[in-house]
Amino acid sequence: MTTIGYPGLRRLLDQGAQLVEVLPAEEYAEMHLPGAVSIPLKSLDAATTADLNRARPVVVYCWDGL
């Protein structure tokens, strides 16, 4: 795991990274970063990540601790 700040996130997204929020769906519906997909941590598995492009980096985030 690597922690990145906003400039690093922006750079990764500009290069085609995929953004995944792992909080519960209710929290995703309340507020999420633009372009993020919701894959709650408790349901994170091969089936729920099957639509992610394996050739592109994935940035996973949550709001815990903020």
PDB file of N, CA and C in Angstrom:
ATOM      1  N   MET A   1       0.839  -1.163   0.000  1.00  0.00           N
ATOM      2  CA  MET A   1       0.000   0.000   0.000  1.00  0.00           C
ATOM      3  C   MET A   1       0.892   1.237   0.000  1.00  0.00           C
ATOM      4  N   THR A   2       0.496   2.237  -0.773  1.00  0.00           N
ATOM      5  CA  THR A   2       1.197   3.509  -0.835  1.00  0.00           C
ATOM      6  C   THR A   2       0.195   4.624  -0.608  1.00  0.00           C
ATOM      7  N   THR A   3       0.508   5.543   0.271  1.00  0.00           N
ATOM      8  CA  THR A   3      -0.341   6.698   0.502  1.00  0.00           C
ATOM      9  C   THR A   3       0.114   7.816  -0.422  1.00  0.00           C
ATOM     10  N   ILE A   4      -0.845   8.451  -1.098  1.00  0.00           N
ATOM     11  CA  ILE A   4      -0.508   9.554  -2.002  1.00  0.00           C
ATOM     12  C   ILE A   4      -1.355  10.769  -1.654  1.00  0.00           C
ATOM     13  N   GLY A   5      -0.854  11.935  -1.968  1.00  0.00           N
ATOM     14  CA  GLY A   5      -1.600  13.168  -1.783  1.00  0.00           C
ATOM     15  C   GLY A   5      -2.353  13.530  -3.058  1.00  0.00           C
ATOM     16  N   TYR A   6      -3.022  14.675  -3.017  1.00  0.00           N
ATOM     17  CA  TYR A   6      -3.821  15.088  -4.171  1.00  0.00           C
ATOM     18  C   TYR A   6      -2.996  15.219  -5.452  1.00  0.00           C
ATOM     19  N   PRO A   7      -1.817  15.848  -5.431  1.00  0.00           N
ATOM     20  CA  PRO A   7      -1.055  15.957  -6.687  1.00  0.00           C
ATOM     21  C   PRO A   7      -0.736  14.588  -7.302  1.00  0.00           C
ATOM     22  N   GLY A   8      -0.379  13.632  -6.450  1.00  0.00           N
ATOM     23  CA  GLY A   8      -0.097  12.285  -6.944  1.00  0.00           C
ATOM     24  C   GLY A   8      -1.331  11.610  -7.492  1.00  0.00           C
ATOM     25  N   LEU A   9      -2.456  11.802  -6.815  1.00  0.00           N
ATOM     26  CA  LEU A   9      -3.728  11.235  -7.293  1.00  0.00           C
ATOM     27  C   LEU A   9      -4.081  11.834  -8.636  1.00  0.00           C
ATOM     28  N   ARG A  10      -3.997  13.152  -8.753  1.00  0.00           N
ATOM     29  CA  ARG A  10      -4.342  13.816 -10.016  1.00  0.00           C
ATOM     30  C   ARG A  10      -3.484  13.286 -11.153  1.00  0.00           C
ATOM     31  N   ARG A  11      -2.187  13.117 -10.891  1.00  0.00           N
ATOM     32  CA  ARG A  11      -1.267  12.602 -11.904  1.00  0.00           C
ATOM     33  C   ARG A  11      -1.669  11.180 -12.335  1.00  0.00           C
ATOM     34  N   LEU A  12      -1.970  10.317 -11.357  1.00  0.00           N
ATOM     35  CA  LEU A  12      -2.368   8.950 -11.681  1.00  0.00           C
ATOM     36  C   LEU A  12      -3.669   8.917 -12.487  1.00  0.00           C
ATOM     37  N   LEU A  13      -4.650   9.723 -12.085  1.00  0.00           N
ATOM     38  CA  LEU A  13      -5.916   9.763 -12.816  1.00  0.00           C
ATOM     39  C   LEU A  13      -5.722  10.293 -14.229  1.00  0.00           C
ATOM     40  N   ASP A  14      -4.878  11.299 -14.382  1.00  0.00           N
ATOM     41  CA  ASP A  14      -4.583  11.838 -15.713  1.00  0.00           C
ATOM     42  C   ASP A  14      -3.913  10.796 -16.604  1.00  0.00           C
ATOM     43  N   GLN A  15      -3.231   9.834 -15.980  1.00  0.00           N
ATOM     44  CA  GLN A  15      -2.552   8.774 -16.725  1.00  0.00           C
ATOM     45  C   GLN A  15      -3.450   7.554 -16.926  1.00  0.00           C
ATOM     46  N   GLY A  16      -4.724   7.635 -16.479  1.00  0.00           N
ATOM     47  CA  GLY A  16      -5.675   6.557 -16.736  1.00  0.00           C
ATOM     48  C   GLY A  16      -5.957   5.620 -15.578  1.00  0.00           C
ATOM     49  N   ALA A  17      -5.507   5.957 -14.364  1.00  0.00           N
ATOM     50  CA  ALA A  17      -5.789   5.093 -13.215  1.00  0.00           C
ATOM     51  C   ALA A  17      -7.290   5.043 -12.937  1.00  0.00           C
ATOM     52  N   GLN A  18      -7.720   3.945 -12.365  1.00  0.00           N
ATOM     53  CA  GLN A  18      -9.113   3.742 -11.986  1.00  0.00           C
ATOM     54  C   GLN A  18      -9.260   4.041 -10.503  1.00  0.00           C
ATOM     55  N   LEU A  19     -10.358   4.670 -10.125  1.00  0.00           N
ATOM     56  CA  LEU A  19     -10.579   5.101  -8.755  1.00  0.00           C
ATOM     57  C   LEU A  19     -11.692   4.262  -8.135  1.00  0.00           C
ATOM     58  N   VAL A  20     -11.387   3.608  -7.008  1.00  0.00           N
ATOM     59  CA  VAL A  20     -12.335   2.723  -6.341  1.00  0.00           C
ATOM     60  C   VAL A  20     -12.513   3.162  -4.889  1.00  0.00           C
ATOM     61  N   GLU A  21     -13.756   3.428  -4.497  1.00  0.00           N
ATOM     62  CA  GLU A  21     -14.062   3.716  -3.099  1.00  0.00           C
ATOM     63  C   GLU A  21     -14.545   2.431  -2.444  1.00  0.00           C
ATOM     64  N   VAL A  22     -14.001   2.114  -1.263  1.00  0.00           N
ATOM     65  CA  VAL A  22     -14.310   0.847  -0.611  1.00  0.00           C
ATOM     66  C   VAL A  22     -15.242   0.983   0.599  1.00  0.00           C
ATOM     67  N   LEU A  23     -15.782   2.168   0.839  1.00  0.00           N
ATOM     68  CA  LEU A  23     -16.754   2.329   1.924  1.00  0.00           C
ATOM     69  C   LEU A  23     -18.087   1.729   1.516  1.00  0.00           C
ATOM     70  N   PRO A  24     -18.993   1.505   2.468  1.00  0.00           N
ATOM     71  CA  PRO A  24     -20.312   0.949   2.131  1.00  0.00           C
ATOM     72  C   PRO A  24     -21.040   1.801   1.088  1.00  0.00           C
ATOM     73  N   ALA A  25     -21.911   1.171   0.329  1.00  0.00           N
ATOM     74  CA  ALA A  25     -22.624   1.827  -0.769  1.00  0.00           C
ATOM     75  C   ALA A  25     -23.378   3.067  -0.308  1.00  0.00           C
ATOM     76  N   GLU A  26     -23.921   3.047   0.909  1.00  0.00           N
ATOM     77  CA  GLU A  26     -24.664   4.201   1.408  1.00  0.00           C
ATOM     78  C   GLU A  26     -23.750   5.421   1.524  1.00  0.00           C
ATOM     79  N   GLU A  27     -22.526   5.211   1.971  1.00  0.00           N
ATOM     80  CA  GLU A  27     -21.583   6.317   2.101  1.00  0.00           C
ATOM     81  C   GLU A  27     -21.108   6.785   0.723  1.00  0.00           C
ATOM     82  N   TYR A  28     -20.945   5.858  -0.208  1.00  0.00           N
ATOM     83  CA  TYR A  28     -20.600   6.226  -1.588  1.00  0.00           C
ATOM     84  C   TYR A  28     -21.699   7.101  -2.171  1.00  0.00           C
ATOM     85  N   ALA A  29     -22.961   6.714  -1.952  1.00  0.00           N
ATOM     86  CA  ALA A  29     -24.087   7.486  -2.482  1.00  0.00           C
ATOM     87  C   ALA A  29     -24.136   8.887  -1.881  1.00  0.00           C
ATOM     88  N   GLU A  30     -23.720   9.004  -0.626  1.00  0.00           N
ATOM     89  CA  GLU A  30     -23.739  10.301   0.057  1.00  0.00           C
ATOM     90  C   GLU A  30     -22.693  11.250  -0.526  1.00  0.00           C
ATOM     91  N   MET A  31     -21.480  10.741  -0.749  1.00  0.00           N
ATOM     92  CA  MET A  31     -20.408  11.574  -1.295  1.00  0.00           C
ATOM     93  C   MET A  31     -19.258  10.692  -1.751  1.00  0.00           C
ATOM     94  N   HIS A  32     -18.777  10.952  -2.956  1.00  0.00           N
ATOM     95  CA  HIS A  32     -17.602  10.235  -3.456  1.00  0.00           C
ATOM     96  C   HIS A  32     -16.858  11.127  -4.445  1.00  0.00           C
ATOM     97  N   LEU A  33     -15.635  10.774  -4.726  1.00  0.00           N
ATOM     98  CA  LEU A  33     -14.850  11.533  -5.685  1.00  0.00           C
ATOM     99  C   LEU A  33     -15.390  11.301  -7.094  1.00  0.00           C
ATOM    100  N   PRO A  34     -15.375  12.334  -7.940  1.00  0.00           N
ATOM    101  CA  PRO A  34     -15.859  12.174  -9.315  1.00  0.00           C
ATOM    102  C   PRO A  34     -15.117  11.051 -10.042  1.00  0.00           C
ATOM    103  N   GLY A  35     -15.873  10.211 -10.710  1.00  0.00           N
ATOM    104  CA  GLY A  35     -15.300   9.109 -11.482  1.00  0.00           C
ATOM    105  C   GLY A  35     -15.035   7.843 -10.690  1.00  0.00           C
ATOM    106  N   ALA A  36     -15.228   7.893  -9.383  1.00  0.00           N
ATOM    107  CA  ALA A  36     -14.975   6.705  -8.554  1.00  0.00           C
ATOM    108  C   ALA A  36     -16.084   5.677  -8.728  1.00  0.00           C
ATOM    109  N   VAL A  37     -15.710   4.416  -8.645  1.00  0.00           N
ATOM    110  CA  VAL A  37     -16.693   3.334  -8.615  1.00  0.00           C
ATOM    111  C   VAL A  37     -16.756   2.801  -7.188  1.00  0.00           C
ATOM    112  N   SER A  38     -17.890   2.274  -6.832  1.00  0.00           N
ATOM    113  CA  SER A  38     -18.100   1.750  -5.489  1.00  0.00           C
ATOM    114  C   SER A  38     -17.922   0.239  -5.477  1.00  0.00           C
ATOM    115  N   ILE A  39     -16.964  -0.212  -4.690  1.00  0.00           N
ATOM    116  CA  ILE A  39     -16.791  -1.640  -4.417  1.00  0.00           C
ATOM    117  C   ILE A  39     -16.544  -1.737  -2.915  1.00  0.00           C
ATOM    118  N   PRO A  40     -17.612  -1.898  -2.124  1.00  0.00           N
ATOM    119  CA  PRO A  40     -17.449  -1.948  -0.667  1.00  0.00           C
ATOM    120  C   PRO A  40     -16.435  -3.014  -0.248  1.00  0.00           C
ATOM    121  N   LEU A  41     -15.617  -2.666   0.720  1.00  0.00           N
ATOM    122  CA  LEU A  41     -14.542  -3.549   1.168  1.00  0.00           C
ATOM    123  C   LEU A  41     -15.047  -4.940   1.522  1.00  0.00           C
ATOM    124  N   LYS A  42     -16.198  -5.018   2.167  1.00  0.00           N
ATOM    125  CA  LYS A  42     -16.722  -6.331   2.572  1.00  0.00           C
ATOM    126  C   LYS A  42     -17.127  -7.201   1.392  1.00  0.00           C
ATOM    127  N   SER A  43     -17.270  -6.604   0.206  1.00  0.00           N
ATOM    128  CA  SER A  43     -17.641  -7.395  -0.971  1.00  0.00           C
ATOM    129  C   SER A  43     -16.518  -7.429  -2.006  1.00  0.00           C
ATOM    130  N   LEU A  44     -15.343  -6.955  -1.640  1.00  0.00           N
ATOM    131  CA  LEU A  44     -14.211  -6.912  -2.557  1.00  0.00           C
ATOM    132  C   LEU A  44     -13.703  -8.323  -2.828  1.00  0.00           C
ATOM    133  N   ASP A  45     -13.858  -8.769  -4.063  1.00  0.00           N
ATOM    134  CA  ASP A  45     -13.380 -10.092  -4.460  1.00  0.00           C
ATOM    135  C   ASP A  45     -13.220 -10.120  -5.979  1.00  0.00           C
ATOM    136  N   ALA A  46     -12.881 -11.256  -6.526  1.00  0.00           N
ATOM    137  CA  ALA A  46     -12.645 -11.371  -7.965  1.00  0.00           C
ATOM    138  C   ALA A  46     -13.882 -10.996  -8.773  1.00  0.00           C
ATOM    139  N   ALA A  47     -15.045 -11.351  -8.297  1.00  0.00           N
ATOM    140  CA  ALA A  47     -16.277 -11.049  -9.043  1.00  0.00           C
ATOM    141  C   ALA A  47     -16.583  -9.557  -9.070  1.00  0.00           C
ATOM    142  N   THR A  48     -16.420  -8.884  -7.929  1.00  0.00           N
ATOM    143  CA  THR A  48     -16.763  -7.465  -7.872  1.00  0.00           C
ATOM    144  C   THR A  48     -15.713  -6.581  -8.544  1.00  0.00           C
ATOM    145  N   THR A  49     -14.525  -7.117  -8.765  1.00  0.00           N
ATOM    146  CA  THR A  49     -13.481  -6.334  -9.434  1.00  0.00           C
ATOM    147  C   THR A  49     -13.292  -6.754 -10.894  1.00  0.00           C
ATOM    148  N   ALA A  50     -14.135  -7.645 -11.377  1.00  0.00           N
ATOM    149  CA  ALA A  50     -13.986  -8.170 -12.730  1.00  0.00           C
ATOM    150  C   ALA A  50     -14.074  -7.089 -13.811  1.00  0.00           C
ATOM    151  N   ASP A  51     -14.807  -6.009 -13.559  1.00  0.00           N
ATOM    152  CA  ASP A  51     -14.949  -4.948 -14.555  1.00  0.00           C
ATOM    153  C   ASP A  51     -13.772  -3.977 -14.578  1.00  0.00           C
ATOM    154  N   LEU A  52     -12.868  -4.075 -13.612  1.00  0.00           N
ATOM    155  CA  LEU A  52     -11.696  -3.204 -13.620  1.00  0.00           C
ATOM    156  C   LEU A  52     -10.735  -3.649 -14.717  1.00  0.00           C
ATOM    157  N   ASN A  53     -10.114  -2.689 -15.345  1.00  0.00           N
ATOM    158  CA  ASN A  53      -9.154  -2.974 -16.405  1.00  0.00           C
ATOM    159  C   ASN A  53      -7.819  -3.346 -15.771  1.00  0.00           C
ATOM    160  N   ARG A  54      -7.399  -4.577 -15.915  1.00  0.00           N
ATOM    161  CA  ARG A  54      -6.165  -5.053 -15.278  1.00  0.00           C
ATOM    162  C   ARG A  54      -4.904  -4.417 -15.856  1.00  0.00           C
ATOM    163  N   ALA A  55      -5.015  -3.751 -16.997  1.00  0.00           N
ATOM    164  CA  ALA A  55      -3.866  -3.101 -17.605  1.00  0.00           C
ATOM    165  C   ALA A  55      -3.655  -1.684 -17.062  1.00  0.00           C
ATOM    166  N   ARG A  56      -4.618  -1.184 -16.291  1.00  0.00           N
ATOM    167  CA  ARG A  56      -4.530   0.174 -15.749  1.00  0.00           C
ATOM    168  C   ARG A  56      -4.391   0.132 -14.229  1.00  0.00           C
ATOM    169  N   PRO A  57      -3.631   1.065 -13.653  1.00  0.00           N
ATOM    170  CA  PRO A  57      -3.489   1.114 -12.190  1.00  0.00           C
ATOM    171  C   PRO A  57      -4.838   1.353 -11.514  1.00  0.00           C
ATOM    172  N   VAL A  58      -4.943   0.909 -10.264  1.00  0.00           N
ATOM    173  CA  VAL A  58      -6.152   1.100  -9.464  1.00  0.00           C
ATOM    174  C   VAL A  58      -5.773   1.868  -8.206  1.00  0.00           C
ATOM    175  N   VAL A  59      -6.523   2.934  -7.932  1.00  0.00           N
ATOM    176  CA  VAL A  59      -6.347   3.703  -6.705  1.00  0.00           C
ATOM    177  C   VAL A  59      -7.565   3.409  -5.837  1.00  0.00           C
ATOM    178  N   VAL A  60      -7.327   2.879  -4.647  1.00  0.00           N
ATOM    179  CA  VAL A  60      -8.398   2.530  -3.716  1.00  0.00           C
ATOM    180  C   VAL A  60      -8.385   3.546  -2.582  1.00  0.00           C
ATOM    181  N   TYR A  61      -9.578   4.036  -2.207  1.00  0.00           N
ATOM    182  CA  TYR A  61      -9.617   5.015  -1.125  1.00  0.00           C
ATOM    183  C   TYR A  61     -10.861   4.839  -0.266  1.00  0.00           C
ATOM    184  N   CYS A  62     -10.785   5.424   0.923  1.00  0.00           N
ATOM    185  CA  CYS A  62     -11.932   5.551   1.826  1.00  0.00           C
ATOM    186  C   CYS A  62     -11.735   6.823   2.622  1.00  0.00           C
ATOM    187  N   TRP A  63     -12.742   7.270   3.314  1.00  0.00           N
ATOM    188  CA  TRP A  63     -12.669   8.505   4.075  1.00  0.00           C
ATOM    189  C   TRP A  63     -12.319   8.253   5.536  1.00  0.00           C
ATOM    190  N   ASP A  64     -12.205   7.023   5.972  1.00  0.00           N
ATOM    191  CA  ASP A  64     -11.902   6.745   7.383  1.00  0.00           C
ATOM    192  C   ASP A  64     -10.670   7.502   7.838  1.00  0.00           C
ATOM    193  N   GLY A  65     -10.759   8.049   9.028  1.00  0.00           N
ATOM    194  CA  GLY A  65      -9.616   8.732   9.609  1.00  0.00           C
ATOM    195  C   GLY A  65      -9.491  10.189   9.236  1.00  0.00           C
ATOM    196  N   LEU A  66     -10.383  10.679   8.375  1.00  0.00           N
ATOM    197  CA  LEU A  66     -10.308  12.092   7.979  1.00  0.00           C
ATOM    198  C   LEU A  66     -11.202  12.926   8.839  1.00  0.00           C
TER     199      LEU A  66
END
